[in-house]
N, C-alpha and C. Protein backbone atom coordinates (compact mmCIF):
# COMPACT_ATOMS: atom_id res chain seq x y z
N MET A 1 7.51 -6.37 9.74
CA MET A 1 6.48 -6.14 8.76
C MET A 1 5.20 -6.89 9.16
N ALA A 2 5.34 -8.01 9.83
CA ALA A 2 4.17 -8.77 10.27
C ALA A 2 3.34 -7.94 11.25
N GLY A 3 4.00 -7.18 12.10
CA GLY A 3 3.30 -6.33 13.05
C GLY A 3 2.49 -5.25 12.35
N GLU A 4 3.09 -4.65 11.33
CA GLU A 4 2.39 -3.61 10.57
C GLU A 4 1.17 -4.18 9.86
N LEU A 5 1.33 -5.38 9.28
CA LEU A 5 0.22 -6.02 8.60
C LEU A 5 -0.90 -6.35 9.58
N SER A 6 -0.54 -6.81 10.76
CA SER A 6 -1.54 -7.11 11.79
C SER A 6 -2.30 -5.85 12.19
N ALA A 7 -1.59 -4.73 12.29
CA ALA A 7 -2.24 -3.48 12.65
C ALA A 7 -3.23 -3.05 11.56
N ILE A 8 -2.84 -3.23 10.32
CA ILE A 8 -3.73 -2.87 9.20
C ILE A 8 -4.97 -3.75 9.24
N LEU A 9 -4.78 -5.05 9.42
CA LEU A 9 -5.92 -5.96 9.47
C LEU A 9 -6.82 -5.66 10.66
N GLY A 10 -6.23 -5.27 11.79
CA GLY A 10 -7.03 -4.87 12.95
C GLY A 10 -7.89 -3.67 12.65
N HIS A 11 -7.35 -2.72 11.91
CA HIS A 11 -8.11 -1.53 11.52
C HIS A 11 -9.27 -1.92 10.61
N VAL A 12 -9.02 -2.82 9.66
CA VAL A 12 -10.07 -3.26 8.75
C VAL A 12 -11.18 -3.96 9.53
N GLU A 13 -10.82 -4.73 10.55
CA GLU A 13 -11.82 -5.39 11.38
C GLU A 13 -12.69 -4.36 12.09
N LYS A 14 -12.09 -3.26 12.55
CA LYS A 14 -12.87 -2.20 13.19
C LYS A 14 -13.84 -1.58 12.20
N LEU A 15 -13.40 -1.40 10.96
CA LEU A 15 -14.30 -0.84 9.94
C LEU A 15 -15.48 -1.75 9.70
N ALA A 16 -15.27 -3.05 9.78
CA ALA A 16 -16.36 -4.01 9.56
C ALA A 16 -17.42 -3.91 10.65
N GLU A 17 -17.07 -3.36 11.81
CA GLU A 17 -18.02 -3.21 12.91
C GLU A 17 -18.95 -2.01 12.71
N LEU A 18 -18.64 -1.12 11.80
CA LEU A 18 -19.46 0.07 11.59
C LEU A 18 -20.83 -0.29 11.05
N ASP A 19 -21.83 0.44 11.51
CA ASP A 19 -23.19 0.24 11.03
C ASP A 19 -23.37 1.01 9.72
N THR A 20 -23.50 0.29 8.63
CA THR A 20 -23.68 0.93 7.33
C THR A 20 -25.09 0.74 6.79
N GLU A 21 -25.99 0.33 7.67
CA GLU A 21 -27.38 0.14 7.27
C GLU A 21 -27.95 1.49 6.82
N GLY A 22 -28.55 1.52 5.65
CA GLY A 22 -29.16 2.74 5.15
C GLY A 22 -28.19 3.67 4.42
N VAL A 23 -26.94 3.31 4.33
CA VAL A 23 -25.97 4.13 3.60
C VAL A 23 -25.91 3.62 2.17
N ASP A 24 -26.17 4.52 1.23
CA ASP A 24 -26.13 4.13 -0.17
C ASP A 24 -24.73 3.70 -0.57
N ALA A 25 -24.67 2.71 -1.45
CA ALA A 25 -23.38 2.22 -1.93
C ALA A 25 -22.62 3.28 -2.72
N ASP A 26 -23.34 4.22 -3.32
CA ASP A 26 -22.69 5.27 -4.09
C ASP A 26 -22.72 6.61 -3.35
N PHE A 27 -22.62 6.57 -2.04
CA PHE A 27 -22.63 7.76 -1.19
C PHE A 27 -21.46 8.67 -1.57
N SER A 28 -21.72 9.96 -1.67
CA SER A 28 -20.68 10.94 -1.95
C SER A 28 -20.51 11.85 -0.75
N VAL A 29 -19.28 12.14 -0.41
CA VAL A 29 -19.01 13.03 0.72
C VAL A 29 -19.24 14.49 0.35
N LEU A 30 -19.37 14.77 -0.93
CA LEU A 30 -19.61 16.13 -1.37
C LEU A 30 -21.11 16.31 -1.60
N PRO A 31 -21.75 17.18 -0.84
CA PRO A 31 -23.19 17.33 -0.98
C PRO A 31 -23.57 17.83 -2.37
N GLY A 32 -24.63 17.22 -2.91
CA GLY A 32 -25.13 17.63 -4.20
C GLY A 32 -24.38 17.07 -5.39
N ILE A 33 -23.31 16.34 -5.14
CA ILE A 33 -22.55 15.75 -6.24
C ILE A 33 -22.59 14.23 -6.08
N PRO A 34 -23.51 13.60 -6.81
CA PRO A 34 -23.63 12.15 -6.67
C PRO A 34 -22.48 11.43 -7.37
N CYS A 35 -22.19 10.23 -6.90
CA CYS A 35 -21.22 9.38 -7.59
C CYS A 35 -21.88 8.88 -8.86
N ARG A 36 -21.21 9.03 -9.94
CA ARG A 36 -21.78 8.57 -11.20
C ARG A 36 -21.21 7.20 -11.52
N LEU A 37 -22.10 6.27 -11.74
CA LEU A 37 -21.69 4.93 -12.10
C LEU A 37 -22.03 4.71 -13.57
N ARG A 38 -21.22 3.94 -14.23
CA ARG A 38 -21.50 3.64 -15.63
C ARG A 38 -21.47 2.13 -15.81
N ASP A 39 -22.17 1.67 -16.84
CA ASP A 39 -22.12 0.27 -17.18
C ASP A 39 -20.77 -0.03 -17.81
N ASP A 40 -20.18 -1.15 -17.44
CA ASP A 40 -18.94 -1.57 -18.08
C ASP A 40 -19.27 -2.12 -19.45
N GLN A 41 -18.71 -1.51 -20.45
CA GLN A 41 -18.96 -1.94 -21.82
C GLN A 41 -17.63 -2.01 -22.57
N VAL A 42 -17.44 -3.10 -23.27
CA VAL A 42 -16.26 -3.25 -24.10
C VAL A 42 -16.61 -2.75 -25.49
N HIS A 43 -15.80 -1.85 -26.02
CA HIS A 43 -16.06 -1.33 -27.35
C HIS A 43 -14.74 -0.99 -28.03
N GLU A 44 -14.82 -0.89 -29.31
CA GLU A 44 -13.66 -0.52 -30.11
C GLU A 44 -13.42 0.99 -29.95
N PRO A 45 -12.18 1.41 -30.08
CA PRO A 45 -11.90 2.85 -30.02
C PRO A 45 -12.67 3.59 -31.12
N HIS A 46 -12.88 4.88 -30.91
CA HIS A 46 -13.63 5.67 -31.88
C HIS A 46 -12.92 5.76 -33.22
N HIS A 47 -11.62 5.68 -33.18
CA HIS A 47 -10.86 5.75 -34.42
C HIS A 47 -9.65 4.82 -34.29
N ARG A 48 -9.24 4.31 -35.39
CA ARG A 48 -8.08 3.44 -35.40
C ARG A 48 -7.07 4.04 -36.40
N HIS A 49 -5.83 4.00 -36.04
CA HIS A 49 -4.78 4.50 -36.92
C HIS A 49 -3.97 3.32 -37.42
N PRO A 50 -3.88 3.18 -38.73
CA PRO A 50 -3.03 2.11 -39.26
C PRO A 50 -1.58 2.30 -38.79
N ARG A 51 -0.90 1.20 -38.59
CA ARG A 51 0.48 1.23 -38.10
C ARG A 51 1.35 2.11 -38.99
N GLU A 52 1.16 2.02 -40.29
CA GLU A 52 1.99 2.81 -41.20
C GLU A 52 1.81 4.31 -40.95
N ASP A 53 0.56 4.73 -40.66
CA ASP A 53 0.32 6.15 -40.37
C ASP A 53 0.99 6.56 -39.07
N MET A 54 0.96 5.68 -38.09
CA MET A 54 1.56 6.00 -36.79
C MET A 54 3.08 6.12 -36.90
N LEU A 55 3.68 5.31 -37.75
CA LEU A 55 5.13 5.30 -37.88
C LEU A 55 5.65 6.31 -38.89
N ALA A 56 4.75 6.94 -39.64
CA ALA A 56 5.17 7.82 -40.74
C ALA A 56 6.06 8.97 -40.27
N ASN A 57 5.82 9.51 -39.09
CA ASN A 57 6.60 10.67 -38.61
C ASN A 57 7.71 10.28 -37.66
N ALA A 58 7.91 8.99 -37.44
CA ALA A 58 8.96 8.55 -36.52
C ALA A 58 10.33 8.77 -37.16
N PRO A 59 11.29 9.25 -36.37
CA PRO A 59 12.62 9.46 -36.94
C PRO A 59 13.30 8.15 -37.34
N ALA A 60 12.97 7.05 -36.65
CA ALA A 60 13.59 5.76 -36.99
C ALA A 60 12.63 4.63 -36.65
N THR A 61 12.52 3.66 -37.55
CA THR A 61 11.67 2.49 -37.32
C THR A 61 12.41 1.24 -37.78
N ASP A 62 11.92 0.10 -37.33
CA ASP A 62 12.48 -1.17 -37.75
C ASP A 62 11.39 -2.23 -37.67
N GLU A 63 11.05 -2.81 -38.80
CA GLU A 63 10.06 -3.88 -38.88
C GLU A 63 8.74 -3.52 -38.17
N GLY A 64 8.27 -2.29 -38.38
CA GLY A 64 6.99 -1.88 -37.82
C GLY A 64 7.03 -1.40 -36.39
N PHE A 65 8.21 -1.14 -35.84
CA PHE A 65 8.35 -0.66 -34.46
C PHE A 65 9.14 0.63 -34.44
N PHE A 66 8.90 1.48 -33.43
CA PHE A 66 9.69 2.68 -33.22
C PHE A 66 11.07 2.28 -32.75
N LEU A 67 12.09 2.93 -33.25
CA LEU A 67 13.44 2.77 -32.72
C LEU A 67 13.74 3.97 -31.83
N VAL A 68 14.20 3.69 -30.63
CA VAL A 68 14.52 4.76 -29.68
C VAL A 68 15.94 4.56 -29.19
N PRO A 69 16.56 5.62 -28.69
CA PRO A 69 17.93 5.48 -28.18
C PRO A 69 17.96 4.53 -26.98
N LYS A 70 19.04 3.78 -26.89
CA LYS A 70 19.23 2.87 -25.76
C LYS A 70 19.49 3.70 -24.52
N VAL A 71 18.77 3.41 -23.43
CA VAL A 71 18.94 4.19 -22.21
C VAL A 71 19.43 3.33 -21.05
N VAL A 72 19.46 2.01 -21.21
CA VAL A 72 19.90 1.13 -20.13
C VAL A 72 20.93 0.18 -20.70
N ASP A 73 22.10 0.12 -20.06
CA ASP A 73 23.10 -0.86 -20.44
C ASP A 73 22.91 -2.11 -19.61
N VAL A 74 22.87 -3.24 -20.29
CA VAL A 74 22.68 -4.50 -19.57
C VAL A 74 23.95 -5.31 -19.58
């Protein structure tokens, strides 16, 4: 595995040798379709569902959680 990792790192070093002067950071390989960047913004979801509403149609619940069939024996 060390050999494979060395080969990967060698490839990355070759990429670092490429001349990227004048290449836009948001370059798109598809002509006419620019990469769209957005500002990272933290916001609340557009709507919130109370827990009781979410659990109302569940076939089985316990203390505010969905109950599901056991699928793994431990």
